[in-house]
Amino acid sequence: MTSTILLIFLSFCIGTGVWLFFLYAVKKGEFDDIEGPKYRMLDDDDVEEKTKDDEVGKL
């Protein structure tokens, strides 16, 4: 009986610790934008093409 109570208490403490760690990570911004970086590289090419066209037009 005492081992069951001890295991329930330990699992509650571990679960609370994991939950607090998750809240800390959310507050620090670890999960803000996970989709953006893979699309950001596609937007960089358009900026370079516009600058090349502007330089050719100035000649």
PDB file of N, CA and C in Angstrom:
ATOM      1  N   MET A   1       0.825  -1.198   0.000  1.00  0.00           N
ATOM      2  CA  MET A   1       0.000   0.000   0.000  1.00  0.00           C
ATOM      3  C   MET A   1       0.865   1.257   0.000  1.00  0.00           C
ATOM      4  N   THR A   2       1.929   1.241   0.787  1.00  0.00           N
ATOM      5  CA  THR A   2       2.776   2.434   0.840  1.00  0.00           C
ATOM      6  C   THR A   2       3.520   2.633  -0.474  1.00  0.00           C
ATOM      7  N   SER A   3       3.868   1.543  -1.140  1.00  0.00           N
ATOM      8  CA  SER A   3       4.561   1.694  -2.424  1.00  0.00           C
ATOM      9  C   SER A   3       3.628   2.286  -3.480  1.00  0.00           C
ATOM     10  N   THR A   4       2.350   1.969  -3.429  1.00  0.00           N
ATOM     11  CA  THR A   4       1.384   2.540  -4.371  1.00  0.00           C
ATOM     12  C   THR A   4       1.239   4.036  -4.152  1.00  0.00           C
ATOM     13  N   ILE A   5       1.155   4.442  -2.902  1.00  0.00           N
ATOM     14  CA  ILE A   5       1.044   5.872  -2.584  1.00  0.00           C
ATOM     15  C   ILE A   5       2.314   6.596  -2.998  1.00  0.00           C
ATOM     16  N   LEU A   6       3.462   5.978  -2.764  1.00  0.00           N
ATOM     17  CA  LEU A   6       4.733   6.576  -3.162  1.00  0.00           C
ATOM     18  C   LEU A   6       4.822   6.719  -4.678  1.00  0.00           C
ATOM     19  N   LEU A   7       4.407   5.710  -5.424  1.00  0.00           N
ATOM     20  CA  LEU A   7       4.448   5.777  -6.884  1.00  0.00           C
ATOM     21  C   LEU A   7       3.482   6.826  -7.431  1.00  0.00           C
ATOM     22  N   ILE A   8       2.310   6.944  -6.829  1.00  0.00           N
ATOM     23  CA  ILE A   8       1.357   7.975  -7.255  1.00  0.00           C
ATOM     24  C   ILE A   8       1.934   9.358  -6.995  1.00  0.00           C
ATOM     25  N   PHE A   9       2.545   9.550  -5.842  1.00  0.00           N
ATOM     26  CA  PHE A   9       3.147  10.844  -5.511  1.00  0.00           C
ATOM     27  C   PHE A   9       4.302  11.170  -6.455  1.00  0.00           C
ATOM     28  N   LEU A  10       5.158  10.189  -6.737  1.00  0.00           N
ATOM     29  CA  LEU A  10       6.284  10.420  -7.646  1.00  0.00           C
ATOM     30  C   LEU A  10       5.813  10.724  -9.067  1.00  0.00           C
ATOM     31  N   SER A  11       4.813  10.024  -9.539  1.00  0.00           N
ATOM     32  CA  SER A  11       4.309  10.297 -10.885  1.00  0.00           C
ATOM     33  C   SER A  11       3.658  11.676 -10.952  1.00  0.00           C
ATOM     34  N   PHE A  12       2.995  12.082  -9.885  1.00  0.00           N
ATOM     35  CA  PHE A  12       2.424  13.427  -9.839  1.00  0.00           C
ATOM     36  C   PHE A  12       3.520  14.485  -9.874  1.00  0.00           C
ATOM     37  N   CYS A  13       4.597  14.271  -9.127  1.00  0.00           N
ATOM     38  CA  CYS A  13       5.710  15.228  -9.114  1.00  0.00           C
ATOM     39  C   CYS A  13       6.400  15.297 -10.474  1.00  0.00           C
ATOM     40  N   ILE A  14       6.619  14.170 -11.103  1.00  0.00           N
ATOM     41  CA  ILE A  14       7.259  14.150 -12.423  1.00  0.00           C
ATOM     42  C   ILE A  14       6.358  14.819 -13.458  1.00  0.00           C
ATOM     43  N   GLY A  15       5.074  14.524 -13.418  1.00  0.00           N
ATOM     44  CA  GLY A  15       4.134  15.155 -14.350  1.00  0.00           C
ATOM     45  C   GLY A  15       4.064  16.657 -14.167  1.00  0.00           C
ATOM     46  N   THR A  16       4.075  17.109 -12.919  1.00  0.00           N
ATOM     47  CA  THR A  16       4.069  18.549 -12.647  1.00  0.00           C
ATOM     48  C   THR A  16       5.355  19.194 -13.144  1.00  0.00           C
ATOM     49  N   GLY A  17       6.482  18.518 -12.960  1.00  0.00           N
ATOM     50  CA  GLY A  17       7.756  19.048 -13.444  1.00  0.00           C
ATOM     51  C   GLY A  17       7.793  19.172 -14.959  1.00  0.00           C
ATOM     52  N   VAL A  18       7.299  18.175 -15.650  1.00  0.00           N
ATOM     53  CA  VAL A  18       7.253  18.222 -17.120  1.00  0.00           C
ATOM     54  C   VAL A  18       6.321  19.323 -17.584  1.00  0.00           C
ATOM     55  N   TRP A  19       5.189  19.481 -16.927  1.00  0.00           N
ATOM     56  CA  TRP A  19       4.235  20.538 -17.281  1.00  0.00           C
ATOM     57  C   TRP A  19       4.843  21.922 -17.063  1.00  0.00           C
ATOM     58  N   LEU A  20       5.557  22.122 -15.947  1.00  0.00           N
ATOM     59  CA  LEU A  20       6.207  23.410 -15.690  1.00  0.00           C
ATOM     60  C   LEU A  20       7.312  23.683 -16.708  1.00  0.00           C
ATOM     61  N   PHE A  21       8.055  22.650 -17.086  1.00  0.00           N
ATOM     62  CA  PHE A  21       9.089  22.816 -18.108  1.00  0.00           C
ATOM     63  C   PHE A  21       8.474  23.193 -19.450  1.00  0.00           C
ATOM     64  N   PHE A  22       7.349  22.594 -19.792  1.00  0.00           N
ATOM     65  CA  PHE A  22       6.656  22.935 -21.029  1.00  0.00           C
ATOM     66  C   PHE A  22       6.170  24.382 -21.000  1.00  0.00           C
ATOM     67  N   LEU A  23       5.600  24.814 -19.885  1.00  0.00           N
ATOM     68  CA  LEU A  23       5.156  26.208 -19.772  1.00  0.00           C
ATOM     69  C   LEU A  23       6.329  27.172 -19.886  1.00  0.00           C
ATOM     70  N   TYR A  24       7.472  26.817 -19.315  1.00  0.00           N
ATOM     71  CA  TYR A  24       8.670  27.645 -19.425  1.00  0.00           C
ATOM     72  C   TYR A  24       9.118  27.751 -20.882  1.00  0.00           C
ATOM     73  N   ALA A  25       9.098  26.650 -21.606  1.00  0.00           N
ATOM     74  CA  ALA A  25       9.512  26.656 -23.011  1.00  0.00           C
ATOM     75  C   ALA A  25       8.555  27.481 -23.861  1.00  0.00           C
ATOM     76  N   VAL A  26       7.265  27.403 -23.584  1.00  0.00           N
ATOM     77  CA  VAL A  26       6.292  28.205 -24.330  1.00  0.00           C
ATOM     78  C   VAL A  26       6.506  29.682 -24.041  1.00  0.00           C
ATOM     79  N   LYS A  27       6.771  30.021 -22.795  1.00  0.00           N
ATOM     80  CA  LYS A  27       6.977  31.422 -22.420  1.00  0.00           C
ATOM     81  C   LYS A  27       8.242  31.990 -23.062  1.00  0.00           C
ATOM     82  N   LYS A  28       9.271  31.174 -23.224  1.00  0.00           N
ATOM     83  CA  LYS A  28      10.522  31.626 -23.836  1.00  0.00           C
ATOM     84  C   LYS A  28      10.451  31.674 -25.360  1.00  0.00           C
ATOM     85  N   GLY A  29       9.359  31.191 -25.964  1.00  0.00           N
ATOM     86  CA  GLY A  29       9.186  31.303 -27.408  1.00  0.00           C
ATOM     87  C   GLY A  29       9.730  30.149 -28.215  1.00  0.00           C
ATOM     88  N   GLU A  30       9.887  28.997 -27.624  1.00  0.00           N
ATOM     89  CA  GLU A  30      10.414  27.851 -28.358  1.00  0.00           C
ATOM     90  C   GLU A  30       9.455  27.348 -29.428  1.00  0.00           C
ATOM     91  N   PHE A  31       8.172  27.597 -29.281  1.00  0.00           N
ATOM     92  CA  PHE A  31       7.181  27.064 -30.206  1.00  0.00           C
ATOM     93  C   PHE A  31       6.468  28.169 -30.979  1.00  0.00           C
ATOM     94  N   ASP A  32       7.087  29.332 -31.116  1.00  0.00           N
ATOM     95  CA  ASP A  32       6.418  30.455 -31.761  1.00  0.00           C
ATOM     96  C   ASP A  32       6.150  30.204 -33.242  1.00  0.00           C
ATOM     97  N   ASP A  33       7.185  29.979 -34.009  1.00  0.00           N
ATOM     98  CA  ASP A  33       7.011  29.834 -35.453  1.00  0.00           C
ATOM     99  C   ASP A  33       7.845  28.663 -35.945  1.00  0.00           C
ATOM    100  N   ILE A  34       7.205  27.527 -36.101  1.00  0.00           N
ATOM    101  CA  ILE A  34       7.953  26.367 -36.570  1.00  0.00           C
ATOM    102  C   ILE A  34       7.817  26.177 -38.076  1.00  0.00           C
ATOM    103  N   GLU A  35       6.897  26.857 -38.717  1.00  0.00           N
ATOM    104  CA  GLU A  35       6.695  26.715 -40.154  1.00  0.00           C
ATOM    105  C   GLU A  35       7.447  27.781 -40.951  1.00  0.00           C
ATOM    106  N   GLY A  36       7.744  28.905 -40.364  1.00  0.00           N
ATOM    107  CA  GLY A  36       8.324  30.031 -41.076  1.00  0.00           C
ATOM    108  C   GLY A  36       9.696  29.810 -41.678  1.00  0.00           C
ATOM    109  N   PRO A  37      10.656  29.231 -40.957  1.00  0.00           N
ATOM    110  CA  PRO A  37      12.002  29.114 -41.514  1.00  0.00           C
ATOM    111  C   PRO A  37      12.089  28.315 -42.813  1.00  0.00           C
ATOM    112  N   LYS A  38      11.252  27.310 -42.988  1.00  0.00           N
ATOM    113  CA  LYS A  38      11.358  26.532 -44.226  1.00  0.00           C
ATOM    114  C   LYS A  38      10.799  27.288 -45.420  1.00  0.00           C
ATOM    115  N   TYR A  39       9.954  28.285 -45.201  1.00  0.00           N
ATOM    116  CA  TYR A  39       9.437  29.095 -46.303  1.00  0.00           C
ATOM    117  C   TYR A  39      10.237  30.382 -46.499  1.00  0.00           C
ATOM    118  N   ARG A  40      11.019  30.772 -45.522  1.00  0.00           N
ATOM    119  CA  ARG A  40      11.791  32.006 -45.613  1.00  0.00           C
ATOM    120  C   ARG A  40      12.832  31.933 -46.717  1.00  0.00           C
ATOM    121  N   MET A  41      13.398  30.753 -46.947  1.00  0.00           N
ATOM    122  CA  MET A  41      14.406  30.632 -47.999  1.00  0.00           C
ATOM    123  C   MET A  41      13.792  30.810 -49.383  1.00  0.00           C
ATOM    124  N   LEU A  42      12.518  30.535 -49.537  1.00  0.00           N
ATOM    125  CA  LEU A  42      11.869  30.736 -50.830  1.00  0.00           C
ATOM    126  C   LEU A  42      11.639  32.219 -51.111  1.00  0.00           C
ATOM    127  N   ASP A  43      11.453  33.016 -50.076  1.00  0.00           N
ATOM    128  CA  ASP A  43      11.233  34.447 -50.251  1.00  0.00           C
ATOM    129  C   ASP A  43      12.519  35.191 -50.566  1.00  0.00           C
ATOM    130  N   ASP A  44      13.675  34.665 -50.190  1.00  0.00           N
ATOM    131  CA  ASP A  44      14.938  35.348 -50.428  1.00  0.00           C
ATOM    132  C   ASP A  44      15.260  35.458 -51.915  1.00  0.00           C
ATOM    133  N   ASP A  45      14.891  34.493 -52.733  1.00  0.00           N
ATOM    134  CA  ASP A  45      15.200  34.521 -54.158  1.00  0.00           C
ATOM    135  C   ASP A  45      14.487  35.671 -54.866  1.00  0.00           C
ATOM    136  N   ASP A  46      13.271  35.965 -54.488  1.00  0.00           N
ATOM    137  CA  ASP A  46      12.530  37.044 -55.126  1.00  0.00           C
ATOM    138  C   ASP A  46      13.189  38.396 -54.883  1.00  0.00           C
ATOM    139  N   VAL A  47      13.764  38.596 -53.722  1.00  0.00           N
ATOM    140  CA  VAL A  47      14.417  39.865 -53.408  1.00  0.00           C
ATOM    141  C   VAL A  47      15.648  40.046 -54.281  1.00  0.00           C
ATOM    142  N   GLU A  48      16.419  38.999 -54.506  1.00  0.00           N
ATOM    143  CA  GLU A  48      17.620  39.097 -55.332  1.00  0.00           C
ATOM    144  C   GLU A  48      17.263  39.373 -56.791  1.00  0.00           C
ATOM    145  N   GLU A  49      16.207  38.774 -57.309  1.00  0.00           N
ATOM    146  CA  GLU A  49      15.817  39.005 -58.696  1.00  0.00           C
ATOM    147  C   GLU A  49      15.366  40.444 -58.904  1.00  0.00           C
ATOM    148  N   LYS A  50      14.667  41.022 -57.963  1.00  0.00           N
ATOM    149  CA  LYS A  50      14.223  42.409 -58.092  1.00  0.00           C
ATOM    150  C   LYS A  50      15.405  43.362 -58.103  1.00  0.00           C
ATOM    151  N   THR A  51      16.430  43.100 -57.292  1.00  0.00           N
ATOM    152  CA  THR A  51      17.580  43.995 -57.272  1.00  0.00           C
ATOM    153  C   THR A  51      18.371  43.885 -58.572  1.00  0.00           C
ATOM    154  N   LYS A  52      18.447  42.701 -59.173  1.00  0.00           N
ATOM    155  CA  LYS A  52      19.148  42.557 -60.451  1.00  0.00           C
ATOM    156  C   LYS A  52      18.403  43.299 -61.559  1.00  0.00           C
ATOM    157  N   ASP A  53      17.086  43.237 -61.566  1.00  0.00           N
ATOM    158  CA  ASP A  53      16.309  43.944 -62.576  1.00  0.00           C
ATOM    159  C   ASP A  53      16.448  45.454 -62.424  1.00  0.00           C
ATOM    160  N   ASP A  54      16.500  45.931 -61.197  1.00  0.00           N
ATOM    161  CA  ASP A  54      16.650  47.365 -60.967  1.00  0.00           C
ATOM    162  C   ASP A  54      18.008  47.858 -61.447  1.00  0.00           C
ATOM    163  N   GLU A  55      19.070  47.060 -61.252  1.00  0.00           N
ATOM    164  CA  GLU A  55      20.398  47.477 -61.688  1.00  0.00           C
ATOM    165  C   GLU A  55      20.495  47.491 -63.209  1.00  0.00           C
ATOM    166  N   VAL A  56      19.873  46.561 -63.896  1.00  0.00           N
ATOM    167  CA  VAL A  56      19.904  46.518 -65.357  1.00  0.00           C
ATOM    168  C   VAL A  56      19.141  47.708 -65.918  1.00  0.00           C
ATOM    169  N   GLY A  57      18.048  48.070 -65.301  1.00  0.00           N
ATOM    170  CA  GLY A  57      17.260  49.201 -65.769  1.00  0.00           C
ATOM    171  C   GLY A  57      17.980  50.531 -65.613  1.00  0.00           C
ATOM    172  N   LYS A  58      18.908  50.640 -64.680  1.00  0.00           N
ATOM    173  CA  LYS A  58      19.635  51.892 -64.452  1.00  0.00           C
ATOM    174  C   LYS A  58      20.729  52.112 -65.487  1.00  0.00           C
ATOM    175  N   LEU A  59      21.177  51.061 -66.175  1.00  0.00           N
ATOM    176  CA  LEU A  59      22.239  51.216 -67.167  1.00  0.00           C
ATOM    177  C   LEU A  59      21.653  51.857 -68.365  1.00  0.00           C
TER     178      LEU A  59
END
